[in-house]
N, C-alpha and C. Protein backbone atom coordinates (compact mmCIF):
# COMPACT_ATOMS: atom_id res chain seq x y z
N UNK A 1 126.43 180.24 166.25
CA UNK A 1 126.59 180.03 164.82
C UNK A 1 125.31 179.41 164.25
N UNK A 2 124.80 180.00 163.18
CA UNK A 2 123.57 179.52 162.56
C UNK A 2 123.81 178.19 161.86
N UNK A 3 122.91 177.23 162.10
CA UNK A 3 123.03 175.93 161.45
C UNK A 3 122.64 176.06 159.98
N UNK A 4 123.42 175.42 159.12
CA UNK A 4 123.15 175.47 157.68
C UNK A 4 122.20 174.36 157.27
N UNK A 5 121.45 174.60 156.19
CA UNK A 5 120.54 173.61 155.65
C UNK A 5 121.28 172.74 154.63
N UNK A 6 120.64 171.66 154.23
CA UNK A 6 121.21 170.79 153.19
C UNK A 6 121.48 171.60 151.92
N UNK A 7 120.51 172.43 151.51
CA UNK A 7 120.65 173.23 150.29
C UNK A 7 121.86 174.15 150.36
N UNK A 8 122.14 174.69 151.53
CA UNK A 8 123.31 175.56 151.69
C UNK A 8 124.61 174.75 151.70
N UNK A 9 124.60 173.63 152.44
CA UNK A 9 125.83 172.84 152.59
C UNK A 9 126.22 172.12 151.30
N UNK A 10 125.23 171.71 150.51
CA UNK A 10 125.53 170.92 149.31
C UNK A 10 126.33 171.75 148.30
N UNK A 11 126.27 173.08 148.43
CA UNK A 11 127.02 173.96 147.52
C UNK A 11 128.46 174.14 147.96
N UNK A 12 128.78 173.71 149.19
CA UNK A 12 130.13 173.92 149.71
C UNK A 12 131.01 172.70 149.42
N UNK A 13 132.30 172.96 149.28
CA UNK A 13 133.23 171.86 149.03
C UNK A 13 134.61 172.23 149.56
N UNK A 14 135.26 171.35 150.31
CA UNK A 14 134.70 170.08 150.77
C UNK A 14 133.82 170.27 152.00
N UNK A 15 132.83 169.41 152.15
CA UNK A 15 132.03 169.37 153.37
C UNK A 15 132.77 168.49 154.36
N UNK A 16 132.96 168.98 155.58
CA UNK A 16 133.67 168.22 156.61
C UNK A 16 132.67 167.64 157.61
N UNK A 17 133.17 166.73 158.45
CA UNK A 17 132.31 166.14 159.47
C UNK A 17 131.74 167.22 160.39
N UNK A 18 132.55 168.21 160.75
CA UNK A 18 132.11 169.28 161.65
C UNK A 18 130.92 170.04 161.06
N UNK A 19 131.00 170.35 159.78
CA UNK A 19 129.91 171.06 159.08
C UNK A 19 128.65 170.18 159.08
N UNK A 20 128.84 168.91 158.76
CA UNK A 20 127.74 167.94 158.69
C UNK A 20 127.09 167.77 160.06
N UNK A 21 127.91 167.67 161.11
CA UNK A 21 127.39 167.47 162.47
C UNK A 21 126.62 168.68 162.96
N UNK A 22 126.91 169.85 162.40
CA UNK A 22 126.24 171.08 162.85
C UNK A 22 125.17 171.56 161.88
N UNK A 23 124.80 170.73 160.91
CA UNK A 23 123.76 171.17 159.97
C UNK A 23 122.37 171.06 160.60
N UNK A 24 121.45 171.79 160.05
CA UNK A 24 120.06 171.78 160.52
C UNK A 24 119.46 170.39 160.33
N UNK A 25 118.77 169.88 161.34
CA UNK A 25 118.15 168.55 161.25
C UNK A 25 116.84 168.68 160.49
N UNK A 26 116.78 168.08 159.30
CA UNK A 26 115.56 168.15 158.49
C UNK A 26 114.86 166.79 158.40
N UNK A 27 115.32 165.83 159.23
CA UNK A 27 114.69 164.52 159.26
C UNK A 27 115.23 163.54 158.24
N UNK A 28 116.11 163.98 157.35
CA UNK A 28 116.71 163.10 156.34
C UNK A 28 118.04 162.55 156.83
N UNK A 29 118.54 161.52 156.13
CA UNK A 29 119.85 160.95 156.46
C UNK A 29 120.82 161.28 155.34
N UNK A 30 122.06 161.60 155.75
CA UNK A 30 123.08 162.00 154.79
C UNK A 30 124.37 161.25 155.04
N UNK A 31 125.22 161.21 154.01
CA UNK A 31 126.58 160.72 154.12
C UNK A 31 127.48 161.77 153.47
N UNK A 32 128.76 161.72 153.82
CA UNK A 32 129.74 162.57 153.12
C UNK A 32 130.62 161.65 152.30
N UNK A 33 130.62 161.87 150.99
CA UNK A 33 131.41 161.06 150.07
C UNK A 33 132.50 161.94 149.47
N UNK A 34 133.74 161.74 149.94
CA UNK A 34 134.88 162.50 149.43
C UNK A 34 134.60 164.00 149.48
N UNK A 35 134.05 164.46 150.60
CA UNK A 35 133.82 165.89 150.80
C UNK A 35 132.52 166.42 150.21
N UNK A 36 131.71 165.53 149.62
CA UNK A 36 130.44 165.95 149.02
C UNK A 36 129.29 165.40 149.87
N UNK A 37 128.37 166.28 150.27
CA UNK A 37 127.22 165.87 151.07
C UNK A 37 126.20 165.19 150.17
N UNK A 38 125.80 163.95 150.52
CA UNK A 38 124.85 163.19 149.71
C UNK A 38 123.63 162.81 150.53
N UNK A 39 122.45 163.08 149.96
CA UNK A 39 121.19 162.65 150.56
C UNK A 39 121.05 161.16 150.31
N UNK A 40 120.76 160.40 151.36
CA UNK A 40 120.61 158.96 151.19
C UNK A 40 119.28 158.63 150.53
N UNK A 41 119.16 157.39 150.04
CA UNK A 41 117.96 156.91 149.35
C UNK A 41 116.72 157.10 150.23
N UNK A 42 115.54 156.93 149.64
CA UNK A 42 114.32 156.97 150.45
C UNK A 42 114.39 155.97 151.61
N UNK A 43 113.50 156.09 152.56
CA UNK A 43 113.49 155.17 153.71
C UNK A 43 113.57 153.73 153.22
N UNK A 44 114.31 152.88 153.96
CA UNK A 44 114.46 151.49 153.52
C UNK A 44 113.13 150.76 153.45
N UNK A 45 113.04 149.81 152.51
CA UNK A 45 111.85 149.00 152.34
C UNK A 45 111.72 148.01 153.50
N UNK A 46 110.54 147.43 153.63
CA UNK A 46 110.28 146.48 154.71
C UNK A 46 111.30 145.34 154.71
N UNK A 47 111.56 144.77 153.52
CA UNK A 47 112.46 143.61 153.42
C UNK A 47 113.87 143.98 153.90
N UNK A 48 114.29 145.19 153.59
CA UNK A 48 115.60 145.68 154.03
C UNK A 48 115.66 145.70 155.56
N UNK A 49 114.63 146.26 156.17
CA UNK A 49 114.59 146.39 157.63
C UNK A 49 114.47 145.03 158.31
N UNK A 50 113.69 144.14 157.71
CA UNK A 50 113.53 142.79 158.25
C UNK A 50 114.88 142.08 158.27
N UNK A 51 115.58 142.11 157.14
CA UNK A 51 116.88 141.43 157.04
C UNK A 51 117.90 142.06 157.97
N UNK A 52 117.92 143.38 158.03
CA UNK A 52 118.86 144.08 158.90
C UNK A 52 118.65 143.70 160.37
N UNK A 53 117.42 143.71 160.81
CA UNK A 53 117.11 143.37 162.21
C UNK A 53 117.47 141.91 162.49
N UNK A 54 117.05 141.02 161.59
CA UNK A 54 117.29 139.58 161.79
C UNK A 54 118.79 139.29 161.83
N UNK A 55 119.55 139.94 160.93
CA UNK A 55 121.00 139.72 160.90
C UNK A 55 121.64 140.23 162.19
N UNK A 56 121.18 141.37 162.68
CA UNK A 56 121.74 141.90 163.93
C UNK A 56 121.46 140.93 165.09
N UNK A 57 120.26 140.38 165.14
CA UNK A 57 119.90 139.42 166.19
C UNK A 57 120.78 138.17 166.10
N UNK A 58 120.95 137.64 164.88
CA UNK A 58 121.76 136.43 164.68
C UNK A 58 123.22 136.69 165.05
N UNK A 59 123.78 137.80 164.56
CA UNK A 59 125.18 138.12 164.85
C UNK A 59 125.39 138.37 166.33
N UNK A 60 124.44 139.05 166.95
CA UNK A 60 124.54 139.32 168.39
C UNK A 60 124.50 138.02 169.18
N UNK A 61 123.66 137.09 168.74
CA UNK A 61 123.55 135.80 169.42
C UNK A 61 124.83 135.01 169.42
N UNK A 62 125.58 135.06 168.30
CA UNK A 62 126.80 134.27 168.20
C UNK A 62 128.09 135.01 168.52
N UNK A 63 128.04 136.35 168.42
CA UNK A 63 129.29 137.12 168.48
C UNK A 63 129.35 138.17 169.58
N UNK A 64 128.33 138.27 170.42
CA UNK A 64 128.29 139.38 171.37
C UNK A 64 129.43 139.41 172.37
N UNK A 65 130.07 138.25 172.63
CA UNK A 65 131.19 138.24 173.57
C UNK A 65 132.48 138.75 172.95
N UNK A 66 132.53 138.79 171.62
CA UNK A 66 133.75 139.21 170.93
C UNK A 66 133.60 140.53 170.18
N UNK A 67 132.36 140.86 169.79
CA UNK A 67 132.14 142.04 168.94
C UNK A 67 130.99 142.90 169.45
N UNK A 68 131.10 144.19 169.16
CA UNK A 68 129.97 145.11 169.30
C UNK A 68 129.31 145.13 167.92
N UNK A 69 128.00 144.89 167.87
CA UNK A 69 127.27 144.89 166.61
C UNK A 69 126.27 146.04 166.65
N UNK A 70 126.37 146.94 165.68
CA UNK A 70 125.50 148.12 165.64
C UNK A 70 124.77 148.20 164.31
N UNK A 71 123.53 148.68 164.37
CA UNK A 71 122.74 148.89 163.15
C UNK A 71 122.52 150.39 162.94
N UNK A 72 122.36 150.79 161.68
CA UNK A 72 122.12 152.19 161.33
C UNK A 72 120.82 152.67 161.98
N UNK A 73 120.69 153.98 162.16
CA UNK A 73 121.59 155.04 161.72
C UNK A 73 122.62 155.45 162.78
N UNK A 74 123.86 155.55 162.37
CA UNK A 74 124.94 156.11 163.17
C UNK A 74 126.06 156.41 162.20
N UNK A 75 126.96 157.31 162.59
CA UNK A 75 128.02 157.74 161.69
C UNK A 75 129.28 156.90 161.85
N UNK A 76 129.82 156.46 160.72
CA UNK A 76 131.15 155.85 160.68
C UNK A 76 132.05 156.91 160.04
N UNK A 77 132.87 157.54 160.89
CA UNK A 77 133.69 158.67 160.45
C UNK A 77 135.06 158.12 160.02
N UNK A 78 135.19 157.89 158.72
CA UNK A 78 136.41 157.31 158.18
C UNK A 78 137.50 158.37 158.02
N UNK A 79 137.08 159.60 157.75
CA UNK A 79 137.99 160.75 157.71
C UNK A 79 137.12 161.99 157.87
N UNK A 80 137.75 163.13 157.89
CA UNK A 80 137.00 164.38 158.06
C UNK A 80 136.06 164.64 156.89
N UNK A 81 136.36 164.04 155.73
CA UNK A 81 135.52 164.26 154.54
C UNK A 81 134.91 162.97 154.00
N UNK A 82 134.88 161.91 154.83
CA UNK A 82 134.28 160.63 154.42
C UNK A 82 133.52 160.05 155.61
N UNK A 83 132.20 160.23 155.59
CA UNK A 83 131.34 159.77 156.68
C UNK A 83 130.24 158.90 156.09
N UNK A 84 130.14 157.66 156.55
CA UNK A 84 129.16 156.72 156.02
C UNK A 84 128.22 156.24 157.11
N UNK A 85 127.08 155.70 156.67
CA UNK A 85 126.10 155.10 157.59
C UNK A 85 125.75 153.70 157.09
N UNK A 86 126.65 152.72 157.34
CA UNK A 86 126.37 151.35 156.89
C UNK A 86 125.16 150.78 157.61
N UNK A 87 124.59 149.73 157.03
CA UNK A 87 123.42 149.09 157.66
C UNK A 87 123.82 148.39 158.96
N UNK A 88 124.95 147.70 158.96
CA UNK A 88 125.43 147.01 160.17
C UNK A 88 126.95 147.10 160.21
N UNK A 89 127.50 147.15 161.41
CA UNK A 89 128.95 147.05 161.57
C UNK A 89 129.27 146.13 162.74
N UNK A 90 130.46 145.53 162.67
CA UNK A 90 130.98 144.74 163.77
C UNK A 90 132.34 145.32 164.16
N UNK A 91 132.52 145.56 165.45
CA UNK A 91 133.78 146.09 165.97
C UNK A 91 134.27 145.16 167.07
N UNK A 92 135.49 144.65 166.90
CA UNK A 92 136.03 143.72 167.88
C UNK A 92 136.21 144.42 169.22
N UNK A 93 136.01 143.67 170.30
CA UNK A 93 136.09 144.23 171.66
C UNK A 93 137.45 144.87 171.95
N UNK A 94 138.48 144.41 171.25
CA UNK A 94 139.82 144.98 171.47
C UNK A 94 139.95 146.36 170.83
N UNK A 95 138.92 146.78 170.06
CA UNK A 95 139.00 148.06 169.34
C UNK A 95 137.88 149.02 169.73
N UNK A 96 137.30 148.83 170.90
CA UNK A 96 136.18 149.70 171.30
C UNK A 96 136.60 151.16 171.48
N UNK A 97 137.92 151.41 171.51
CA UNK A 97 138.40 152.79 171.63
C UNK A 97 137.99 153.65 170.43
N UNK A 98 137.60 153.02 169.30
CA UNK A 98 137.18 153.82 168.13
C UNK A 98 135.72 154.26 168.22
N UNK A 99 135.00 153.79 169.25
CA UNK A 99 133.59 154.15 169.42
C UNK A 99 133.48 155.35 170.35
N UNK A 100 132.71 156.35 169.93
CA UNK A 100 132.45 157.52 170.79
C UNK A 100 130.97 157.86 170.69
N UNK A 101 130.54 158.83 171.46
CA UNK A 101 129.14 159.24 171.42
C UNK A 101 128.74 159.77 170.05
N UNK A 102 129.68 160.35 169.32
CA UNK A 102 129.33 160.92 168.01
C UNK A 102 129.28 159.86 166.92
N UNK A 103 129.90 158.69 167.15
CA UNK A 103 129.89 157.64 166.13
C UNK A 103 131.11 156.76 166.26
N UNK A 104 131.50 156.16 165.14
CA UNK A 104 132.69 155.31 165.09
C UNK A 104 133.77 156.10 164.38
N UNK A 105 134.90 156.27 165.05
CA UNK A 105 136.00 157.06 164.51
C UNK A 105 137.05 156.14 163.93
N UNK A 106 136.87 155.76 162.66
CA UNK A 106 137.80 154.84 162.01
C UNK A 106 137.05 153.66 161.41
N UNK A 107 137.82 152.69 160.95
CA UNK A 107 137.25 151.56 160.21
C UNK A 107 136.77 150.46 161.14
N UNK A 108 135.48 150.07 161.04
CA UNK A 108 135.01 148.87 161.75
C UNK A 108 135.73 147.64 161.19
N UNK A 109 135.62 146.50 161.88
CA UNK A 109 136.23 145.27 161.38
C UNK A 109 135.44 144.69 160.21
N UNK A 110 134.10 144.80 160.30
CA UNK A 110 133.23 144.23 159.26
C UNK A 110 132.07 145.18 159.04
N UNK A 111 131.74 145.41 157.78
CA UNK A 111 130.64 146.31 157.41
C UNK A 111 129.67 145.55 156.52
N UNK A 112 128.37 145.76 156.75
CA UNK A 112 127.32 145.13 155.95
C UNK A 112 126.46 146.22 155.31
N UNK A 113 126.25 146.11 154.01
CA UNK A 113 125.28 146.95 153.31
C UNK A 113 124.22 146.05 152.70
N UNK A 114 122.96 146.37 152.96
CA UNK A 114 121.84 145.64 152.36
C UNK A 114 121.37 146.49 151.19
N UNK A 115 121.56 145.98 150.01
CA UNK A 115 121.38 146.81 148.82
C UNK A 115 119.92 146.89 148.39
N UNK A 116 119.63 147.89 147.58
CA UNK A 116 118.31 148.07 146.97
C UNK A 116 118.53 148.57 145.56
N UNK A 117 117.46 148.71 144.80
CA UNK A 117 117.63 149.20 143.42
C UNK A 117 118.19 150.62 143.42
N UNK A 118 117.93 151.37 144.50
CA UNK A 118 118.44 152.74 144.58
C UNK A 118 119.92 152.79 144.96
N UNK A 119 120.41 151.76 145.66
CA UNK A 119 121.77 151.83 146.20
C UNK A 119 122.74 150.83 145.60
N UNK A 120 122.29 150.04 144.63
CA UNK A 120 123.09 148.94 144.10
C UNK A 120 124.47 149.40 143.61
N UNK A 121 124.50 150.41 142.75
CA UNK A 121 125.77 150.89 142.19
C UNK A 121 126.65 151.48 143.29
N UNK A 122 126.04 152.24 144.18
CA UNK A 122 126.80 152.88 145.27
C UNK A 122 127.40 151.81 146.19
N UNK A 123 126.62 150.77 146.52
CA UNK A 123 127.11 149.72 147.42
C UNK A 123 128.21 148.88 146.77
N UNK A 124 128.03 148.55 145.48
CA UNK A 124 128.96 147.62 144.82
C UNK A 124 130.21 148.31 144.30
N UNK A 125 130.16 149.60 144.03
CA UNK A 125 131.33 150.28 143.49
C UNK A 125 131.88 151.31 144.48
N UNK A 126 131.13 152.39 144.68
CA UNK A 126 131.63 153.50 145.50
C UNK A 126 131.99 153.06 146.91
N UNK A 127 131.03 152.46 147.60
CA UNK A 127 131.28 152.09 149.00
C UNK A 127 132.33 150.99 149.11
N UNK A 128 132.32 150.06 148.18
CA UNK A 128 133.34 149.01 148.22
C UNK A 128 134.74 149.61 148.14
N UNK A 129 134.92 150.58 147.25
CA UNK A 129 136.22 151.25 147.12
C UNK A 129 136.57 152.06 148.37
N UNK A 130 135.58 152.75 148.93
CA UNK A 130 135.81 153.57 150.12
C UNK A 130 136.18 152.69 151.32
N UNK A 131 135.42 151.63 151.56
CA UNK A 131 135.69 150.78 152.72
C UNK A 131 137.06 150.12 152.59
N UNK A 132 137.45 149.76 151.38
CA UNK A 132 138.79 149.18 151.16
C UNK A 132 139.86 150.23 151.43
N UNK A 133 139.67 151.41 150.91
CA UNK A 133 140.65 152.49 151.07
C UNK A 133 140.93 152.79 152.54
N UNK A 134 139.89 152.75 153.36
CA UNK A 134 140.04 153.11 154.78
C UNK A 134 140.29 151.90 155.69
N UNK A 135 140.44 150.71 155.10
CA UNK A 135 140.91 149.56 155.87
C UNK A 135 139.88 148.72 156.59
N UNK A 136 138.62 148.71 156.11
CA UNK A 136 137.62 147.80 156.68
C UNK A 136 138.00 146.39 156.23
N UNK A 137 138.27 145.50 157.17
CA UNK A 137 138.82 144.17 156.85
C UNK A 137 137.88 143.29 156.02
N UNK A 138 136.57 143.43 156.27
CA UNK A 138 135.62 142.57 155.55
C UNK A 138 134.36 143.36 155.24
N UNK A 139 133.81 143.12 154.04
CA UNK A 139 132.63 143.84 153.56
C UNK A 139 131.65 142.84 152.98
N UNK A 140 130.40 142.93 153.47
CA UNK A 140 129.34 142.07 152.95
C UNK A 140 128.31 142.93 152.23
N UNK A 141 127.88 142.44 151.07
CA UNK A 141 126.75 143.06 150.37
C UNK A 141 125.63 142.03 150.31
N UNK A 142 124.53 142.35 150.96
CA UNK A 142 123.36 141.46 150.98
C UNK A 142 122.37 141.98 149.95
N UNK A 143 121.95 141.09 149.06
CA UNK A 143 121.00 141.46 148.00
C UNK A 143 119.65 140.79 148.25
N UNK A 144 118.65 141.54 148.73
CA UNK A 144 117.34 140.95 149.01
C UNK A 144 116.58 140.51 147.76
N UNK A 145 117.00 140.98 146.58
CA UNK A 145 116.27 140.59 145.36
C UNK A 145 116.51 139.14 145.00
N UNK A 146 117.67 138.58 145.41
CA UNK A 146 117.93 137.16 145.13
C UNK A 146 118.45 136.40 146.35
N UNK A 147 118.37 137.05 147.52
CA UNK A 147 118.77 136.45 148.81
C UNK A 147 120.19 135.88 148.75
N UNK A 148 121.13 136.74 148.36
CA UNK A 148 122.54 136.34 148.35
C UNK A 148 123.35 137.28 149.24
N UNK A 149 124.51 136.79 149.66
CA UNK A 149 125.46 137.59 150.42
C UNK A 149 126.82 137.47 149.74
N UNK A 150 127.35 138.61 149.26
CA UNK A 150 128.69 138.64 148.67
C UNK A 150 129.66 139.01 149.78
N UNK A 151 130.71 138.21 149.92
CA UNK A 151 131.69 138.41 150.99
C UNK A 151 133.03 138.84 150.38
N UNK A 152 133.49 140.03 150.79
CA UNK A 152 134.76 140.57 150.31
C UNK A 152 135.74 140.67 151.47
N UNK A 153 136.99 140.29 151.21
CA UNK A 153 138.04 140.43 152.22
C UNK A 153 139.12 141.37 151.68
N UNK A 154 139.69 142.16 152.58
CA UNK A 154 140.70 143.14 152.21
C UNK A 154 142.03 142.46 151.91
N UNK A 155 142.58 142.77 150.76
CA UNK A 155 143.93 142.33 150.35
C UNK A 155 144.69 143.59 150.02
N UNK A 156 145.63 143.98 150.90
CA UNK A 156 146.35 145.25 150.71
C UNK A 156 145.34 146.39 150.72
N UNK A 157 145.08 147.00 149.53
CA UNK A 157 144.16 148.15 149.48
C UNK A 157 142.95 147.90 148.58
N UNK A 158 142.65 146.64 148.31
CA UNK A 158 141.48 146.34 147.48
C UNK A 158 140.77 145.12 148.07
N UNK A 159 139.51 144.94 147.66
CA UNK A 159 138.73 143.79 148.12
C UNK A 159 138.79 142.66 147.11
N UNK A 160 138.88 141.46 147.64
CA UNK A 160 138.77 140.25 146.83
C UNK A 160 137.46 139.58 147.18
N UNK A 161 136.68 139.22 146.16
CA UNK A 161 135.43 138.49 146.39
C UNK A 161 135.80 137.08 146.83
N UNK A 162 135.45 136.72 148.06
CA UNK A 162 135.81 135.43 148.63
C UNK A 162 134.74 134.39 148.35
N UNK A 163 133.46 134.79 148.46
CA UNK A 163 132.38 133.83 148.27
C UNK A 163 131.07 134.57 148.03
N UNK A 164 130.12 133.87 147.44
CA UNK A 164 128.75 134.35 147.31
C UNK A 164 127.87 133.26 147.92
N UNK A 165 127.18 133.61 148.98
CA UNK A 165 126.37 132.63 149.73
C UNK A 165 124.90 132.76 149.36
N UNK A 166 124.21 131.62 149.34
CA UNK A 166 122.76 131.60 149.16
C UNK A 166 122.22 130.33 149.80
N UNK A 167 120.91 130.27 149.93
CA UNK A 167 120.26 129.06 150.44
C UNK A 167 120.76 128.61 151.79
N UNK A 168 121.09 127.32 151.88
CA UNK A 168 121.48 126.73 153.16
C UNK A 168 122.99 126.77 153.44
N UNK A 169 123.79 127.33 152.51
CA UNK A 169 125.24 127.40 152.72
C UNK A 169 125.55 128.17 154.00
N UNK A 170 126.45 127.66 154.81
CA UNK A 170 126.81 128.33 156.06
C UNK A 170 127.82 129.45 155.78
N UNK A 171 127.45 130.64 156.20
CA UNK A 171 128.32 131.81 156.04
C UNK A 171 129.35 131.79 157.16
N UNK A 172 130.63 131.86 156.77
CA UNK A 172 131.76 131.88 157.71
C UNK A 172 132.58 133.13 157.46
N UNK A 173 133.35 133.54 158.46
CA UNK A 173 134.16 134.74 158.33
C UNK A 173 135.49 134.58 159.05
N UNK A 174 136.59 134.90 158.35
CA UNK A 174 137.90 134.87 159.01
C UNK A 174 138.03 136.06 159.96
N UNK A 175 137.39 137.16 159.62
CA UNK A 175 137.44 138.36 160.47
C UNK A 175 136.68 138.11 161.77
N UNK A 176 135.54 137.44 161.65
CA UNK A 176 134.69 137.15 162.81
C UNK A 176 134.36 135.66 162.82
N UNK A 177 135.26 134.82 163.38
CA UNK A 177 135.05 133.37 163.38
C UNK A 177 133.78 132.93 164.10
N UNK A 178 133.19 133.79 164.90
CA UNK A 178 131.95 133.47 165.62
C UNK A 178 130.73 133.43 164.68
N UNK A 179 130.88 133.93 163.46
CA UNK A 179 129.77 133.99 162.50
C UNK A 179 129.45 132.58 161.99
N UNK A 180 128.16 132.23 162.02
CA UNK A 180 127.71 130.95 161.48
C UNK A 180 126.19 131.00 161.28
N UNK A 181 125.77 131.30 160.06
CA UNK A 181 124.34 131.31 159.73
C UNK A 181 124.21 131.16 158.22
N UNK A 182 122.98 130.99 157.74
CA UNK A 182 122.74 130.86 156.30
C UNK A 182 121.73 131.92 155.86
N UNK A 183 121.67 132.15 154.57
CA UNK A 183 120.68 133.09 154.04
C UNK A 183 119.27 132.56 154.29
N UNK A 184 119.09 131.24 154.20
CA UNK A 184 117.77 130.66 154.50
C UNK A 184 117.34 131.01 155.92
N UNK A 185 118.28 130.90 156.86
CA UNK A 185 117.98 131.23 158.25
C UNK A 185 117.65 132.71 158.39
N UNK A 186 118.37 133.53 157.63
CA UNK A 186 118.19 134.98 157.71
C UNK A 186 116.80 135.41 157.24
N UNK A 187 116.29 134.77 156.20
CA UNK A 187 115.01 135.21 155.63
C UNK A 187 113.83 134.36 156.10
N UNK A 188 114.11 133.38 156.98
CA UNK A 188 113.02 132.56 157.51
C UNK A 188 112.01 133.45 158.23
N UNK A 189 110.75 133.26 157.94
CA UNK A 189 109.71 134.05 158.59
C UNK A 189 109.38 135.34 157.86
N UNK A 190 110.07 135.59 156.74
CA UNK A 190 109.80 136.82 155.97
C UNK A 190 108.43 136.70 155.31
N UNK A 191 107.49 137.58 155.66
CA UNK A 191 106.16 137.48 155.04
C UNK A 191 106.21 137.94 153.59
N UNK A 192 105.32 137.38 152.78
CA UNK A 192 105.26 137.86 151.41
C UNK A 192 104.23 138.98 151.37
N UNK A 193 104.67 140.11 150.83
CA UNK A 193 103.84 141.32 150.84
C UNK A 193 103.47 141.73 149.43
N UNK A 194 102.30 142.34 149.25
CA UNK A 194 101.97 142.86 147.92
C UNK A 194 102.87 144.05 147.60
N UNK A 195 103.13 144.29 146.32
CA UNK A 195 103.97 145.41 145.92
C UNK A 195 103.36 146.74 146.38
N UNK A 196 102.05 146.86 146.20
CA UNK A 196 101.35 148.09 146.58
C UNK A 196 100.10 147.73 147.36
N UNK A 197 99.71 148.65 148.21
CA UNK A 197 98.41 148.48 148.87
C UNK A 197 97.39 149.26 148.08
N UNK A 198 96.29 148.62 147.73
CA UNK A 198 95.29 149.32 146.92
C UNK A 198 94.36 150.15 147.77
């Protein structure tokens, strides 16, 4: 069977995980949003990657005995027509059965998105609704523009904003009690970079 390109698949509806998994690799990253194939934003900025790596190291240091912590890119297959690639996920050791070679089949316990100007609306609205719908217990949105972390917990089928952390405040989680760090700790060592190289 001939692999389809993004241009061919984007015209089809609904796009399923099987179609997405068998598409031609063009070096880009995609998600499936309610059966629609979406090209993800440009490659993440340095600050995004710095925060993502540092957070994974911190979470792994405190939670590795209880959780599997994974960083993108990998597929979180919430349904046949809803496939996401969060920046970080935590999956409790009692639920490792949802992990396979192709990705995560179902809702992780905790999902982290590090937002950018390109993804702000998608992270705060679309993804928040999707993660709640499919039962992700806790959702964090990290905003590098003001070094804050918004913490949402699942209540029935919607998220409630539990806290907004900044500075030296210790971030805690009912979903993952092993979590204990601050935004200051997360961004410590972040170099200041010029906007553009001349």
